[in-house]
C-alpha atoms as a PDB file:
ATOM      1  CA  MET A   1     -23.990  14.093  47.469  1.00  0.00           C
ATOM      2  CA  ALA A   2     -26.189  11.091  48.382  1.00  0.00           C
ATOM      3  CA  ASP A   3     -28.086  11.764  45.245  1.00  0.00           C
ATOM      4  CA  VAL A   4     -25.031  11.551  43.092  1.00  0.00           C
ATOM      5  CA  CYS A   5     -23.641   8.698  44.843  1.00  0.00           C
ATOM      6  CA  GLY A   6     -27.161   6.823  44.447  1.00  0.00           C
ATOM      7  CA  GLN A   7     -26.761   7.869  40.441  1.00  0.00           C
ATOM      8  CA  VAL A   8     -23.189   6.274  40.231  1.00  0.00           C
ATOM      9  CA  LEU A   9     -24.185   3.164  42.101  1.00  0.00           C
ATOM     10  CA  LEU A  10     -27.169   2.237  39.974  1.00  0.00           C
ATOM     11  CA  GLY A  11     -25.519   3.681  37.014  1.00  0.00           C
ATOM     12  CA  SER A  12     -22.767   0.869  37.664  1.00  0.00           C
ATOM     13  CA  GLY A  13     -25.111  -1.813  38.250  1.00  0.00           C
ATOM     14  CA  LEU A  14     -27.062  -1.064  34.683  1.00  0.00           C
ATOM     15  CA  THR A  15     -23.747  -0.926  32.994  1.00  0.00           C
ATOM     16  CA  VAL A  16     -22.256  -4.274  34.277  1.00  0.00           C
ATOM     17  CA  LEU A  17     -25.660  -5.812  33.483  1.00  0.00           C
ATOM     18  CA  SER A  18     -25.966  -4.150  29.596  1.00  0.00           C
ATOM     19  CA  HIS A  19     -22.304  -4.567  29.105  1.00  0.00           C
ATOM     20  CA  PRO A  20     -22.252  -7.996  26.926  1.00  0.00           C
ATOM     21  CA  LEU A  21     -25.393  -6.448  24.856  1.00  0.00           C
ATOM     22  CA  MET A  22     -22.819  -3.479  24.138  1.00  0.00           C
ATOM     23  CA  TYR A  23     -20.063  -5.471  23.450  1.00  0.00           C
ATOM     24  CA  ILE A  24     -21.478  -7.684  21.039  1.00  0.00           C
ATOM     25  CA  LYS A  25     -23.366  -4.602  19.535  1.00  0.00           C
ATOM     26  CA  VAL A  26     -19.569  -2.717  19.184  1.00  0.00           C
ATOM     27  CA  LEU A  27     -18.646  -6.154  16.952  1.00  0.00           C
ATOM     28  CA  ILE A  28     -21.434  -6.251  14.871  1.00  0.00           C
ATOM     29  CA  GLN A  29     -21.072  -2.703  14.052  1.00  0.00           C
ATOM     30  CA  VAL A  30     -17.234  -2.619  12.764  1.00  0.00           C
ATOM     31  CA  GLY A  31     -18.276  -5.570  10.774  1.00  0.00           C
ATOM     32  CA  HIS A  32     -17.244  -8.686  12.377  1.00  0.00           C
ATOM     33  CA  GLU A  33     -19.627 -11.536  11.480  1.00  0.00           C
ATOM     34  CA  PRO A  34     -17.713 -14.786  12.779  1.00  0.00           C
ATOM     35  CA  LEU A  35     -20.562 -16.890  12.359  1.00  0.00           C
ATOM     36  CA  ARG A  36     -22.175 -17.693   8.840  1.00  0.00           C
ATOM     37  CA  PRO A  37     -25.801 -16.715   7.890  1.00  0.00           C
ATOM     38  CA  THR A  38     -28.361 -19.304   8.381  1.00  0.00           C
ATOM     39  CA  LEU A  39     -31.861 -19.726   6.313  1.00  0.00           C
ATOM     40  CA  GLY A  40     -34.812 -18.612   8.626  1.00  0.00           C
ATOM     41  CA  ARG A  41     -37.914 -16.957   8.490  1.00  0.00           C
ATOM     42  CA  ASN A  42     -38.878 -13.789   8.794  1.00  0.00           C
ATOM     43  CA  LEU A  43     -41.901 -12.126  11.047  1.00  0.00           C
ATOM     44  CA  PHE A  44     -44.064 -13.068   7.840  1.00  0.00           C
ATOM     45  CA  GLY A  45     -43.376 -16.503   7.243  1.00  0.00           C
ATOM     46  CA  ARG A  46     -41.053 -15.772   4.531  1.00  0.00           C
ATOM     47  CA  GLN A  47     -37.341 -17.703   4.227  1.00  0.00           C
ATOM     48  CA  VAL A  48     -34.618 -15.328   4.412  1.00  0.00           C
ATOM     49  CA  TYR A  49     -30.847 -15.555   4.835  1.00  0.00           C
ATOM     50  CA  GLN A  50     -30.417 -14.172   8.671  1.00  0.00           C
ATOM     51  CA  LEU A  51     -27.497 -13.374  10.302  1.00  0.00           C
ATOM     52  CA  PRO A  52     -26.649 -14.802  13.970  1.00  0.00           C
ATOM     53  CA  GLY A  53     -28.681 -12.894  16.612  1.00  0.00           C
ATOM     54  CA  LEU A  54     -27.596 -11.507  20.237  1.00  0.00           C
ATOM     55  CA  PHE A  55     -27.804 -15.211  21.703  1.00  0.00           C
ATOM     56  CA  ALA A  56     -25.747 -16.938  18.815  1.00  0.00           C
ATOM     57  CA  TYR A  57     -22.920 -14.621  19.012  1.00  0.00           C
ATOM     58  CA  ALA A  58     -23.140 -14.351  22.735  1.00  0.00           C
ATOM     59  CA  LYS A  59     -22.468 -18.490  22.494  1.00  0.00           C
ATOM     60  CA  HIS A  60     -19.606 -18.052  20.285  1.00  0.00           C
ATOM     61  CA  ILE A  61     -17.594 -15.512  22.269  1.00  0.00           C
ATOM     62  CA  ILE A  62     -18.354 -17.727  25.495  1.00  0.00           C
ATOM     63  CA  LYS A  63     -16.800 -20.764  23.403  1.00  0.00           C
ATOM     64  CA  ILE A  64     -13.787 -18.827  23.212  1.00  0.00           C
ATOM     65  CA  ASP A  65     -13.113 -16.693  25.883  1.00  0.00           C
ATOM     66  CA  GLY A  66     -15.699 -18.210  28.462  1.00  0.00           C
ATOM     67  CA  ARG A  67     -18.173 -16.256  30.238  1.00  0.00           C
ATOM     68  CA  ALA A  68     -15.813 -13.470  31.673  1.00  0.00           C
ATOM     69  CA  GLY A  69     -15.020 -13.088  27.884  1.00  0.00           C
ATOM     70  CA  LEU A  70     -18.510 -11.227  27.654  1.00  0.00           C
ATOM     71  CA  PHE A  71     -17.303  -8.325  29.932  1.00  0.00           C
ATOM     72  CA  LYS A  72     -13.914  -6.999  28.208  1.00  0.00           C
ATOM     73  CA  GLY A  73     -13.713  -3.468  28.597  1.00  0.00           C
ATOM     74  CA  LEU A  74     -16.242  -3.214  31.569  1.00  0.00           C
ATOM     75  CA  GLY A  75     -13.328  -1.077  33.558  1.00  0.00           C
ATOM     76  CA  PRO A  76     -12.957   1.905  31.407  1.00  0.00           C
ATOM     77  CA  ARG A  77     -16.574   1.682  30.619  1.00  0.00           C
ATOM     78  CA  LEU A  78     -17.367   1.911  34.337  1.00  0.00           C
ATOM     79  CA  CYS A  79     -14.761   4.699  34.778  1.00  0.00           C
ATOM     80  CA  ALA A  80     -16.636   6.351  32.208  1.00  0.00           C
ATOM     81  CA  GLY A  81     -20.131   6.068  33.563  1.00  0.00           C
ATOM     82  CA  THR A  82     -18.977   7.178  37.246  1.00  0.00           C
ATOM     83  CA  ILE A  83     -16.653   9.944  36.019  1.00  0.00           C
ATOM     84  CA  GLY A  84     -19.469  11.384  33.391  1.00  0.00           C
ATOM     85  CA  THR A  85     -22.338  11.352  36.447  1.00  0.00           C
ATOM     86  CA  LEU A  86     -19.917  13.491  38.648  1.00  0.00           C
ATOM     87  CA  VAL A  87     -19.416  16.045  35.661  1.00  0.00           C
ATOM     88  CA  HIS A  88     -22.918  16.083  34.491  1.00  0.00           C
ATOM     89  CA  SER A  89     -24.370  16.275  38.178  1.00  0.00           C
ATOM     90  CA  LYS A  90     -21.805  18.940  38.711  1.00  0.00           C
ATOM     91  CA  VAL A  91     -22.519  21.182  35.525  1.00  0.00           C
ATOM     92  CA  ALA A  92     -26.190  20.895  35.860  1.00  0.00           C
ATOM     93  CA  GLN A  93     -25.873  22.188  39.501  1.00  0.00           C
ATOM     94  CA  ILE A  94     -24.106  24.971  38.151  1.00  0.00           C
ATOM     95  CA  LEU A  95     -26.396  25.878  35.193  1.00  0.00           C
ATOM     96  CA  GLY A  96     -29.327  25.308  37.244  1.00  0.00           C
ATOM     97  CA  GLY A  97     -28.943  28.284  39.311  1.00  0.00           C
ATOM     98  CA  GLN A  98     -29.347  30.283  36.140  1.00  0.00           C
ATOM     99  CA  GLN A  99     -32.665  29.596  35.706  1.00  0.00           C
ATOM    100  CA  LYS A 100     -35.198  32.255  35.358  1.00  0.00           C
ATOM    101  CA  ASP A 101     -38.807  32.671  36.354  1.00  0.00           C
ATOM    102  CA  LYS A 102     -42.225  32.864  34.870  1.00  0.00           C
ATOM    103  CA  GLU A 103     -40.794  31.343  31.541  1.00  0.00           C
ATOM    104  CA  SER A 104     -43.445  30.343  28.980  1.00  0.00           C
ATOM    105  CA  SER A 105     -43.657  26.337  28.372  1.00  0.00           C
ATOM    106  CA  LEU A 106     -42.066  26.617  25.195  1.00  0.00           C
ATOM    107  CA  GLN A 107     -39.279  28.948  26.468  1.00  0.00           C
ATOM    108  CA  GLN A 108     -38.819  26.632  29.979  1.00  0.00           C
ATOM    109  CA  VAL A 109     -38.284  23.273  27.500  1.00  0.00           C
ATOM    110  CA  VAL A 110     -35.770  25.275  25.682  1.00  0.00           C
ATOM    111  CA  ASN A 111     -34.210  26.519  28.246  1.00  0.00           C
ATOM    112  CA  GLU A 112     -34.020  23.008  30.304  1.00  0.00           C
ATOM    113  CA  THR A 113     -32.826  21.382  27.047  1.00  0.00           C
ATOM    114  CA  THR A 114     -30.156  23.884  26.429  1.00  0.00           C
ATOM    115  CA  ARG A 115     -28.969  23.586  30.079  1.00  0.00           C
ATOM    116  CA  GLU A 116     -28.773  19.342  29.463  1.00  0.00           C
ATOM    117  CA  MET A 117     -26.975  19.714  26.405  1.00  0.00           C
ATOM    118  CA  VAL A 118     -24.359  21.675  28.277  1.00  0.00           C
ATOM    119  CA  ALA A 119     -24.048  18.955  30.818  1.00  0.00           C
ATOM    120  CA  ARG A 120     -24.470  15.987  28.652  1.00  0.00           C
ATOM    121  CA  SER A 121     -21.791  17.503  26.477  1.00  0.00           C
ATOM    122  CA  CYS A 122     -19.202  18.447  28.920  1.00  0.00           C
ATOM    123  CA  ALA A 123     -19.422  14.572  30.455  1.00  0.00           C
ATOM    124  CA  THR A 124     -18.956  13.271  27.157  1.00  0.00           C
ATOM    125  CA  ILE A 125     -15.922  15.063  26.330  1.00  0.00           C
ATOM    126  CA  VAL A 126     -14.355  14.377  29.675  1.00  0.00           C
ATOM    127  CA  THR A 127     -14.946  10.683  29.645  1.00  0.00           C
ATOM    128  CA  HIS A 128     -14.784  10.093  25.760  1.00  0.00           C
ATOM    129  CA  PRO A 129     -10.947   9.037  26.306  1.00  0.00           C
ATOM    130  CA  PHE A 130     -12.207   6.127  28.451  1.00  0.00           C
ATOM    131  CA  HIS A 131     -15.142   5.628  25.925  1.00  0.00           C
ATOM    132  CA  VAL A 132     -12.500   5.178  23.225  1.00  0.00           C
ATOM    133  CA  ILE A 133     -10.357   2.673  25.336  1.00  0.00           C
ATOM    134  CA  THR A 134     -13.444   0.348  26.050  1.00  0.00           C
ATOM    135  CA  LEU A 135     -14.297   0.296  22.013  1.00  0.00           C
ATOM    136  CA  ARG A 136     -10.969  -0.973  21.671  1.00  0.00           C
ATOM    137  CA  CYS A 137     -10.666  -3.148  24.451  1.00  0.00           C
ATOM    138  CA  MET A 138     -13.604  -5.080  22.886  1.00  0.00           C
ATOM    139  CA  VAL A 139     -12.582  -5.063  19.372  1.00  0.00           C
ATOM    140  CA  GLN A 140      -9.214  -6.760  20.442  1.00  0.00           C
ATOM    141  CA  PHE A 141     -11.627  -9.820  19.976  1.00  0.00           C
ATOM    142  CA  ILE A 142     -11.509 -10.132  16.337  1.00  0.00           C
ATOM    143  CA  GLY A 143      -7.622 -10.253  16.131  1.00  0.00           C
ATOM    144  CA  ARG A 144      -7.067 -11.822  19.604  1.00  0.00           C
ATOM    145  CA  GLU A 145      -4.782  -8.860  20.290  1.00  0.00           C
ATOM    146  CA  THR A 146      -3.818  -7.838  23.858  1.00  0.00           C
ATOM    147  CA  LYS A 147      -2.818  -4.334  23.045  1.00  0.00           C
ATOM    148  CA  TYR A 148      -5.122  -2.558  25.137  1.00  0.00           C
ATOM    149  CA  SER A 149      -5.150  -4.820  28.640  1.00  0.00           C
ATOM    150  CA  GLY A 150      -5.721  -2.121  31.211  1.00  0.00           C
ATOM    151  CA  VAL A 151      -6.774   1.690  32.020  1.00  0.00           C
ATOM    152  CA  PHE A 152      -3.583   3.214  32.575  1.00  0.00           C
ATOM    153  CA  ASP A 153      -1.720   0.804  29.918  1.00  0.00           C
ATOM    154  CA  SER A 154      -4.147   1.818  27.580  1.00  0.00           C
ATOM    155  CA  ILE A 155      -4.071   5.521  27.877  1.00  0.00           C
ATOM    156  CA  ILE A 156      -0.221   5.462  27.440  1.00  0.00           C
ATOM    157  CA  THR A 157      -0.472   3.260  24.576  1.00  0.00           C
ATOM    158  CA  VAL A 158      -3.063   5.985  22.983  1.00  0.00           C
ATOM    159  CA  TYR A 159      -0.863   8.552  24.096  1.00  0.00           C
ATOM    160  CA  ARG A 160       2.439   7.253  22.456  1.00  0.00           C
ATOM    161  CA  GLU A 161       0.804   5.847  19.546  1.00  0.00           C
ATOM    162  CA  GLU A 162      -1.775   8.748  18.656  1.00  0.00           C
ATOM    163  CA  GLY A 163      -1.010  11.954  20.800  1.00  0.00           C
ATOM    164  CA  ILE A 164      -4.126  13.839  22.425  1.00  0.00           C
ATOM    165  CA  LEU A 165      -6.048  13.730  19.451  1.00  0.00           C
ATOM    166  CA  GLY A 166      -5.988   9.504  19.804  1.00  0.00           C
ATOM    167  CA  PHE A 167      -8.366   9.808  22.653  1.00  0.00           C
ATOM    168  CA  PHE A 168     -11.068  12.017  21.070  1.00  0.00           C
ATOM    169  CA  ALA A 169     -11.459   9.491  17.934  1.00  0.00           C
ATOM    170  CA  GLY A 170     -15.138   9.791  17.288  1.00  0.00           C
ATOM    171  CA  LEU A 171     -15.955  12.321  19.006  1.00  0.00           C
ATOM    172  CA  ILE A 172     -17.661  14.840  17.094  1.00  0.00           C
ATOM    173  CA  PRO A 173     -20.481  12.596  15.312  1.00  0.00           C
ATOM    174  CA  ARG A 174     -20.836  11.531  18.976  1.00  0.00           C
ATOM    175  CA  LEU A 175     -21.611  14.746  20.435  1.00  0.00           C
ATOM    176  CA  LEU A 176     -23.651  15.546  17.213  1.00  0.00           C
ATOM    177  CA  GLY A 177     -26.048  12.622  17.684  1.00  0.00           C
ATOM    178  CA  ASP A 178     -26.367  13.168  21.288  1.00  0.00           C
ATOM    179  CA  VAL A 179     -27.254  16.774  20.985  1.00  0.00           C
ATOM    180  CA  LEU A 180     -29.744  16.255  17.975  1.00  0.00           C
ATOM    181  CA  SER A 181     -31.461  13.260  19.727  1.00  0.00           C
ATOM    182  CA  LEU A 182     -31.777  15.372  22.907  1.00  0.00           C
ATOM    183  CA  TRP A 183     -33.729  17.971  21.033  1.00  0.00           C
ATOM    184  CA  ILE A 184     -35.425  15.873  19.164  1.00  0.00           C
ATOM    185  CA  CYS A 185     -36.769  14.099  22.132  1.00  0.00           C
ATOM    186  CA  ASN A 186     -37.636  17.099  24.393  1.00  0.00           C
ATOM    187  CA  LEU A 187     -39.315  19.050  21.427  1.00  0.00           C
ATOM    188  CA  LEU A 188     -41.161  16.391  19.754  1.00  0.00           C
ATOM    189  CA  ALA A 189     -42.178  15.370  23.583  1.00  0.00           C
ATOM    190  CA  HIS A 190     -43.324  18.627  24.363  1.00  0.00           C
ATOM    191  CA  LEU A 191     -45.590  18.988  20.944  1.00  0.00           C
ATOM    192  CA  ILE A 192     -47.236  15.768  21.999  1.00  0.00           C
ATOM    193  CA  ASN A 193     -48.022  16.609  25.869  1.00  0.00           C
ATOM    194  CA  THR A 194     -49.203  19.999  24.853  1.00  0.00           C
ATOM    195  CA  TYR A 195     -51.620  19.376  21.565  1.00  0.00           C
ATOM    196  CA  ALA A 196     -52.210  15.687  21.843  1.00  0.00           C
ATOM    197  CA  ILE A 197     -52.731  15.074  25.438  1.00  0.00           C
ATOM    198  CA  ASP A 198     -55.620  16.958  27.329  1.00  0.00           C
ATOM    199  CA  ASP A 199     -55.006  17.465  31.320  1.00  0.00           C
ATOM    200  CA  SER A 200     -58.596  16.487  32.014  1.00  0.00           C
ATOM    201  CA  MET A 201     -57.764  12.900  30.901  1.00  0.00           C
ATOM    202  CA  SER A 202     -57.391  10.367  33.744  1.00  0.00           C
ATOM    203  CA  HIS A 203     -53.573   9.304  34.413  1.00  0.00           C
ATOM    204  CA  THR A 204     -51.944  12.133  32.427  1.00  0.00           C
ATOM    205  CA  GLY A 205     -48.702  11.763  34.448  1.00  0.00           C
ATOM    206  CA  GLU A 206     -48.305   8.110  33.207  1.00  0.00           C
ATOM    207  CA  ILE A 207     -49.096   8.920  29.444  1.00  0.00           C
ATOM    208  CA  LYS A 208     -46.872  12.133  29.517  1.00  0.00           C
ATOM    209  CA  ASN A 209     -44.072  10.115  30.974  1.00  0.00           C
ATOM    210  CA  CYS A 210     -44.761   7.129  28.100  1.00  0.00           C
ATOM    211  CA  SER A 211     -44.863   9.756  25.398  1.00  0.00           C
ATOM    212  CA  GLN A 212     -41.246  11.060  26.694  1.00  0.00           C
ATOM    213  CA  ALA A 213     -40.081   7.152  26.593  1.00  0.00           C
ATOM    214  CA  MET A 214     -41.707   7.117  22.658  1.00  0.00           C
ATOM    215  CA  THR A 215     -39.749  10.032  21.609  1.00  0.00           C
ATOM    216  CA  GLY A 216     -36.840   9.116  23.063  1.00  0.00           C
ATOM    217  CA  PHE A 217     -36.621   5.846  21.320  1.00  0.00           C
ATOM    218  CA  PHE A 218     -37.729   7.649  18.379  1.00  0.00           C
ATOM    219  CA  ALA A 219     -34.746  10.269  18.483  1.00  0.00           C
ATOM    220  CA  SER A 220     -32.258   7.486  18.994  1.00  0.00           C
ATOM    221  CA  MET A 221     -33.623   5.499  15.924  1.00  0.00           C
ATOM    222  CA  LEU A 222     -33.100   8.433  14.195  1.00  0.00           C
ATOM    223  CA  THR A 223     -29.750   9.311  15.507  1.00  0.00           C
ATOM    224  CA  TYR A 224     -27.909   5.887  15.476  1.00  0.00           C
ATOM    225  CA  PRO A 225     -25.838   6.693  12.453  1.00  0.00           C
ATOM    226  CA  PHE A 226     -23.820   9.075  14.729  1.00  0.00           C
ATOM    227  CA  VAL A 227     -23.644   6.432  17.067  1.00  0.00           C
ATOM    228  CA  LEU A 228     -22.361   4.043  14.220  1.00  0.00           C
ATOM    229  CA  VAL A 229     -19.790   6.354  12.649  1.00  0.00           C
ATOM    230  CA  SER A 230     -18.684   7.595  16.156  1.00  0.00           C
ATOM    231  CA  ASN A 231     -17.856   3.899  17.144  1.00  0.00           C
ATOM    232  CA  ILE A 232     -15.912   2.853  14.134  1.00  0.00           C
ATOM    233  CA  MET A 233     -13.993   6.174  13.792  1.00  0.00           C
ATOM    234  CA  ALA A 234     -13.191   5.392  17.663  1.00  0.00           C
ATOM    235  CA  VAL A 235     -11.316   2.192  16.176  1.00  0.00           C
ATOM    236  CA  ASN A 236     -10.290   3.097  13.134  1.00  0.00           C
ATOM    237  CA  ASN A 237      -6.944   2.394  12.090  1.00  0.00           C
ATOM    238  CA  CYS A 238      -5.544   2.275  15.543  1.00  0.00           C
ATOM    239  CA  GLY A 239      -3.578  -0.693  15.158  1.00  0.00           C
ATOM    240  CA  LEU A 240      -5.953  -3.438  15.992  1.00  0.00           C
ATOM    241  CA  ALA A 241      -7.432  -5.925  13.158  1.00  0.00           C
ATOM    242  CA  GLY A 242     -10.838  -4.963  13.915  1.00  0.00           C
ATOM    243  CA  GLY A 243     -10.278  -1.147  12.480  1.00  0.00           C
ATOM    244  CA  ARG A 244      -8.515  -2.039   9.134  1.00  0.00           C
ATOM    245  CA  ASP A 245      -9.471  -4.422   6.218  1.00  0.00           C
ATOM    246  CA  PRO A 246     -11.268  -6.791   5.860  1.00  0.00           C
ATOM    247  CA  TYR A 247     -13.494  -5.371   8.814  1.00  0.00           C
ATOM    248  CA  ALA A 248     -13.346  -1.883   8.095  1.00  0.00           C
ATOM    249  CA  SER A 249     -11.621   0.507   5.376  1.00  0.00           C
ATOM    250  CA  VAL A 250      -9.347   3.337   6.855  1.00  0.00           C
ATOM    251  CA  TYR A 251     -11.381   6.612   6.913  1.00  0.00           C
ATOM    252  CA  PRO A 252      -9.480  10.182   6.729  1.00  0.00           C
ATOM    253  CA  THR A 253     -12.803  11.587   8.385  1.00  0.00           C
ATOM    254  CA  TRP A 254     -16.072  10.885  10.079  1.00  0.00           C
ATOM    255  CA  VAL A 255     -17.527  12.348   6.994  1.00  0.00           C
ATOM    256  CA  ASP A 256     -15.814   9.989   4.954  1.00  0.00           C
ATOM    257  CA  CYS A 257     -16.987   6.961   7.204  1.00  0.00           C
ATOM    258  CA  TRP A 258     -20.663   8.309   6.655  1.00  0.00           C
ATOM    259  CA  MET A 259     -20.493   8.446   2.923  1.00  0.00           C
ATOM    260  CA  HIS A 260     -19.061   4.969   2.567  1.00  0.00           C
ATOM    261  CA  LEU A 261     -21.520   3.411   4.767  1.00  0.00           C
ATOM    262  CA  SER A 262     -24.217   5.250   3.416  1.00  0.00           C
ATOM    263  CA  ARG A 263     -23.420   4.217   0.036  1.00  0.00           C
ATOM    264  CA  GLU A 264     -23.306   0.532   1.032  1.00  0.00           C
ATOM    265  CA  GLY A 265     -26.553   0.832   2.507  1.00  0.00           C
ATOM    266  CA  ASN A 266     -24.955   0.266   6.065  1.00  0.00           C
ATOM    267  CA  MET A 267     -26.231   3.130   8.276  1.00  0.00           C
ATOM    268  CA  SER A 268     -28.186   0.644  10.628  1.00  0.00           C
ATOM    269  CA  ARG A 269     -25.586  -2.141  11.141  1.00  0.00           C
ATOM    270  CA  GLY A 270     -25.781  -3.175  14.710  1.00  0.00           C
ATOM    271  CA  ASN A 271     -29.034  -1.372  15.246  1.00  0.00           C
ATOM    272  CA  SER A 272     -30.738  -4.432  15.839  1.00  0.00           C
ATOM    273  CA  LEU A 273     -29.747  -7.534  17.712  1.00  0.00           C
ATOM    274  CA  PHE A 274     -32.592 -10.187  16.643  1.00  0.00           C
ATOM    275  CA  PHE A 275     -33.481 -11.239  13.250  1.00  0.00           C
ATOM    276  CA  ARG A 276     -30.790  -9.928  11.392  1.00  0.00           C
ATOM    277  CA  LYS A 277     -31.579 -10.554   7.882  1.00  0.00           C
ATOM    278  CA  LEU A 278     -28.431 -10.781   5.668  1.00  0.00           C
ATOM    279  CA  PRO A 279     -28.641  -7.198   3.120  1.00  0.00           C
ATOM    280  CA  ALA A 280     -28.717  -8.293  -0.405  1.00  0.00           C
ATOM    281  CA  GLY A 281     -25.070  -7.963  -2.300  1.00  0.00           C
ATOM    282  CA  LYS A 282     -23.286  -6.942   1.131  1.00  0.00           C
ATOM    283  CA  THR A 283     -20.109  -8.589   2.471  1.00  0.00           C
ATOM    284  CA  TYR A 284     -19.226  -9.770   6.168  1.00  0.00           C
ATOM    285  CA  ALA A 285     -15.355 -10.681   7.023  1.00  0.00           C
ATOM    286  CA  VAL A 286     -15.641 -14.443   8.528  1.00  0.00           C
ATOM    287  CA  ASP A 287     -11.739 -15.827   8.993  1.00  0.00           C
ATOM    288  CA  GLN A 288     -10.256 -12.965   6.718  1.00  0.00           C
ATOM    289  CA  LYS A 289     -12.277 -14.221   4.096  1.00  0.00           C
ATOM    290  CA  ARG A 290     -15.308 -12.708   2.167  1.00  0.00           C
ATOM    291  CA  PHE A 291     -18.684 -14.476   1.301  1.00  0.00           C
ATOM    292  CA  PHE A 292     -22.119 -13.653  -0.243  1.00  0.00           C
END
């Protein structure tokens, strides 16, 4: 129990610190570009048009809503983190008792990954309603709405307008992304640790930890489109300005959203918050008008 409490406190602290970054990323993901691109230079010294980065975007939000404005949606996100940690810990504890002895190395990785997949999926499903509310609280910045003003009021609003299914908007791509990322990370790390790292090498433990981190980063990059589509679908056509034109089209399903973003070449939108080069021929909404 003490370990779980420690995880909750640590997770809450990290959530508070990282919230402004997530806030800005979500606004970029739904296509909100309030600042016009500027002419800058890329890593090779060539002049290119660049969209505003993390700090320029943060200054814009602070200018409008003050520093507190960077923490919109923090309440439901903290609820999601706390409940998710408790559910994950409980499910992992239950499944941990089913572990068999004398498993092969690969079989052990597969079994552990399966248990972790189930635990994560359960936590994701239970906390997704809070995730949806978090995103909608953030996207309200675009149209200056106050429709989602608190956790309980937001729950009532979602249920009244969309029913139970409204709490699970964007859940399928989010689950698929989490599962794929987990399997890619663990299997790739196992292959590297087994065939590329010799146990006789010095600092073997540190090298294996580093490989795990690298494979995790690689897996998150590969599965980022699922995160993007999930977040867009969570706010799609929910009655907010950021969930409809000119910021986003109305998609019947997440597959339609995926195909549309793929055709536009926008599957990595919001993946980077620095050196954001303006894609050729793309349009972005600024004060309800289009440019470029």
